[in-house]
Each structure stands twice: as structure tokens, then as C-alpha cells.
């Protein structure tokens, strides 16, 4: 069953990630991830970065990971990614 927010997003033609405060990931190969609508950085190491979101923690594993850009609503991570998963 759809939530009220999902129904509103469908009716208004707005992206669900906006109405429901879901993170939006744009991934360029295994070298860059642009994340919108994140809540914070929970862990930051060269091999593992944990990003808090409204639906859980996004865990990014790899080598030479760096946060290239961090803003209030978005961030850019670079490196060589080996695994991307959600811990809900």
C-alpha cells in the first residue's frame, strides 16, 4: 500500500525522493557518487564511508575514498568503489 507522500508525489508529478526525503544517488562508473538528501557522515575512512539518510545508512566501500564536496543537501565521493549497500 502506498503512503500518503507517495500518492502526493504521483499526483503532483514530483519525484518521490523529494516528497519522501529519500536520498538520490547518481553513480558514475565505480569512480564517483553524487548523493542528494543525506543527513550526515557517520564514518569516514579511506576504505569505507557511511552516509546517514532518512531510510538508513548508505555504506560505500572501496579504495582511496574521499569526500570531494560536501554541502547542506548534497555531497560528492570519489575513489574506486567495490561495494555500495544500505543498512536499513
C-alpha atoms as a PDB file:
ATOM      1  CA  UNK A   1       0.000   0.000   0.000  1.00  0.00           C
ATOM      2  CA  UNK A   2       1.299   3.443  -0.924  1.00  0.00           C
ATOM      3  CA  UNK A   3       1.943   6.059   1.715  1.00  0.00           C
ATOM      4  CA  UNK A   4       0.308   9.487   1.603  1.00  0.00           C
ATOM      5  CA  UNK A   5       3.624  11.001   0.480  1.00  0.00           C
ATOM      6  CA  UNK A   6       3.910   8.528  -2.416  1.00  0.00           C
ATOM      7  CA  UNK A   7       0.334   9.296  -3.517  1.00  0.00           C
ATOM      8  CA  UNK A   8       1.041  13.054  -3.410  1.00  0.00           C
ATOM      9  CA  UNK A   9       4.263  12.597  -5.402  1.00  0.00           C
ATOM     10  CA  UNK A  10       2.383  10.581  -8.034  1.00  0.00           C
ATOM     11  CA  UNK A  11      -0.485  13.107  -8.278  1.00  0.00           C
ATOM     12  CA  UNK A  12       1.771  16.158  -8.460  1.00  0.00           C
ATOM     13  CA  UNK A  13       4.318  14.549 -10.764  1.00  0.00           C
ATOM     14  CA  UNK A  14       7.110  15.309  -8.304  1.00  0.00           C
ATOM     15  CA  UNK A  15       9.998  12.914  -7.674  1.00  0.00           C
ATOM     16  CA  UNK A  16       9.335  10.626  -4.726  1.00  0.00           C
ATOM     17  CA  UNK A  17      12.814  11.318  -3.382  1.00  0.00           C
ATOM     18  CA  UNK A  18      11.823  14.961  -2.861  1.00  0.00           C
ATOM     19  CA  UNK A  19       8.470  14.389  -1.135  1.00  0.00           C
ATOM     20  CA  UNK A  20       9.645  11.404   0.919  1.00  0.00           C
ATOM     21  CA  UNK A  21      13.097  12.825   1.805  1.00  0.00           C
ATOM     22  CA  UNK A  22      14.789   9.842   0.156  1.00  0.00           C
ATOM     23  CA  UNK A  23      18.451  10.024  -0.802  1.00  0.00           C
ATOM     24  CA  UNK A  24      19.147  10.251  -4.529  1.00  0.00           C
ATOM     25  CA  UNK A  25      22.353   8.683  -5.818  1.00  0.00           C
ATOM     26  CA  UNK A  26      23.987   9.453  -9.132  1.00  0.00           C
ATOM     27  CA  UNK A  27      26.783   6.981  -9.800  1.00  0.00           C
ATOM     28  CA  UNK A  28      29.435   7.443 -12.493  1.00  0.00           C
ATOM     29  CA  UNK A  29      31.012   4.026 -13.016  1.00  0.00           C
ATOM     30  CA  UNK A  30      32.960   2.963  -9.956  1.00  0.00           C
ATOM     31  CA  UNK A  31      34.698   6.348  -9.552  1.00  0.00           C
ATOM     32  CA  UNK A  32      32.143   8.955  -8.360  1.00  0.00           C
ATOM     33  CA  UNK A  33      28.914   9.037  -6.366  1.00  0.00           C
ATOM     34  CA  UNK A  34      26.849  12.196  -6.004  1.00  0.00           C
ATOM     35  CA  UNK A  35      24.384  11.928  -3.112  1.00  0.00           C
ATOM     36  CA  UNK A  36      21.467  14.299  -2.557  1.00  0.00           C
ATOM     37  CA  UNK A  37      19.260  14.430   0.563  1.00  0.00           C
ATOM     38  CA  UNK A  38      21.696  12.938   3.030  1.00  0.00           C
ATOM     39  CA  UNK A  39      21.571  13.553   6.790  1.00  0.00           C
ATOM     40  CA  UNK A  40      25.230  13.302   7.770  1.00  0.00           C
ATOM     41  CA  UNK A  41      28.530  11.454   7.549  1.00  0.00           C
ATOM     42  CA  UNK A  42      28.648   8.734  10.206  1.00  0.00           C
ATOM     43  CA  UNK A  43      32.045   7.242   9.344  1.00  0.00           C
ATOM     44  CA  UNK A  44      34.847   8.464   7.108  1.00  0.00           C
ATOM     45  CA  UNK A  45      37.880   6.346   6.281  1.00  0.00           C
ATOM     46  CA  UNK A  46      39.857   5.825   3.041  1.00  0.00           C
ATOM     47  CA  UNK A  47      38.315   2.331   2.638  1.00  0.00           C
ATOM     48  CA  UNK A  48      34.792   2.952   3.965  1.00  0.00           C
ATOM     49  CA  UNK A  49      32.348   5.850   4.194  1.00  0.00           C
ATOM     50  CA  UNK A  50      28.985   5.663   5.967  1.00  0.00           C
ATOM     51  CA  UNK A  51      26.334   8.228   4.996  1.00  0.00           C
ATOM     52  CA  UNK A  52      23.206   8.652   7.156  1.00  0.00           C
ATOM     53  CA  UNK A  53      19.894   9.124   5.353  1.00  0.00           C
ATOM     54  CA  UNK A  54      16.192   9.196   6.182  1.00  0.00           C
ATOM     55  CA  UNK A  55      15.896   5.475   5.383  1.00  0.00           C
ATOM     56  CA  UNK A  56      19.107   4.159   6.923  1.00  0.00           C
ATOM     57  CA  UNK A  57      22.841   4.197   6.369  1.00  0.00           C
ATOM     58  CA  UNK A  58      24.476   4.055   2.946  1.00  0.00           C
ATOM     59  CA  UNK A  59      27.782   2.177   3.200  1.00  0.00           C
ATOM     60  CA  UNK A  60      30.366   2.731   0.492  1.00  0.00           C
ATOM     61  CA  UNK A  61      33.462   0.520   0.431  1.00  0.00           C
ATOM     62  CA  UNK A  62      36.489   0.760  -1.798  1.00  0.00           C
ATOM     63  CA  UNK A  63      39.954   2.270  -2.090  1.00  0.00           C
ATOM     64  CA  UNK A  64      41.201   5.840  -1.785  1.00  0.00           C
ATOM     65  CA  UNK A  65      37.717   7.129  -0.947  1.00  0.00           C
ATOM     66  CA  UNK A  66      37.442  10.889  -0.482  1.00  0.00           C
ATOM     67  CA  UNK A  67      34.649  13.364   0.031  1.00  0.00           C
ATOM     68  CA  UNK A  68      35.359  15.837  -2.769  1.00  0.00           C
ATOM     69  CA  UNK A  69      32.442  18.141  -1.994  1.00  0.00           C
ATOM     70  CA  UNK A  70      30.109  18.433   0.976  1.00  0.00           C
ATOM     71  CA  UNK A  71      27.169  20.820   1.218  1.00  0.00           C
ATOM     72  CA  UNK A  72      23.996  21.088   3.265  1.00  0.00           C
ATOM     73  CA  UNK A  73      21.982  18.805   0.989  1.00  0.00           C
ATOM     74  CA  UNK A  74      24.486  17.014  -1.237  1.00  0.00           C
ATOM     75  CA  UNK A  75      27.951  15.529  -1.331  1.00  0.00           C
ATOM     76  CA  UNK A  76      30.354  14.016  -3.857  1.00  0.00           C
ATOM     77  CA  UNK A  77      32.515  10.992  -3.099  1.00  0.00           C
ATOM     78  CA  UNK A  78      35.378   9.838  -5.316  1.00  0.00           C
ATOM     79  CA  UNK A  79      37.642   6.806  -5.294  1.00  0.00           C
ATOM     80  CA  UNK A  80      37.404   3.246  -6.556  1.00  0.00           C
ATOM     81  CA  UNK A  81      34.201   1.630  -5.283  1.00  0.00           C
ATOM     82  CA  UNK A  82      33.927  -2.086  -4.623  1.00  0.00           C
ATOM     83  CA  UNK A  83      30.602  -2.155  -2.761  1.00  0.00           C
ATOM     84  CA  UNK A  84      27.612   0.122  -2.197  1.00  0.00           C
ATOM     85  CA  UNK A  85      24.850  -1.036   0.148  1.00  0.00           C
ATOM     86  CA  UNK A  86      22.121   0.160   2.500  1.00  0.00           C
ATOM     87  CA  UNK A  87      21.971  -0.803   6.148  1.00  0.00           C
ATOM     88  CA  UNK A  88      18.296  -0.251   6.980  1.00  0.00           C
END
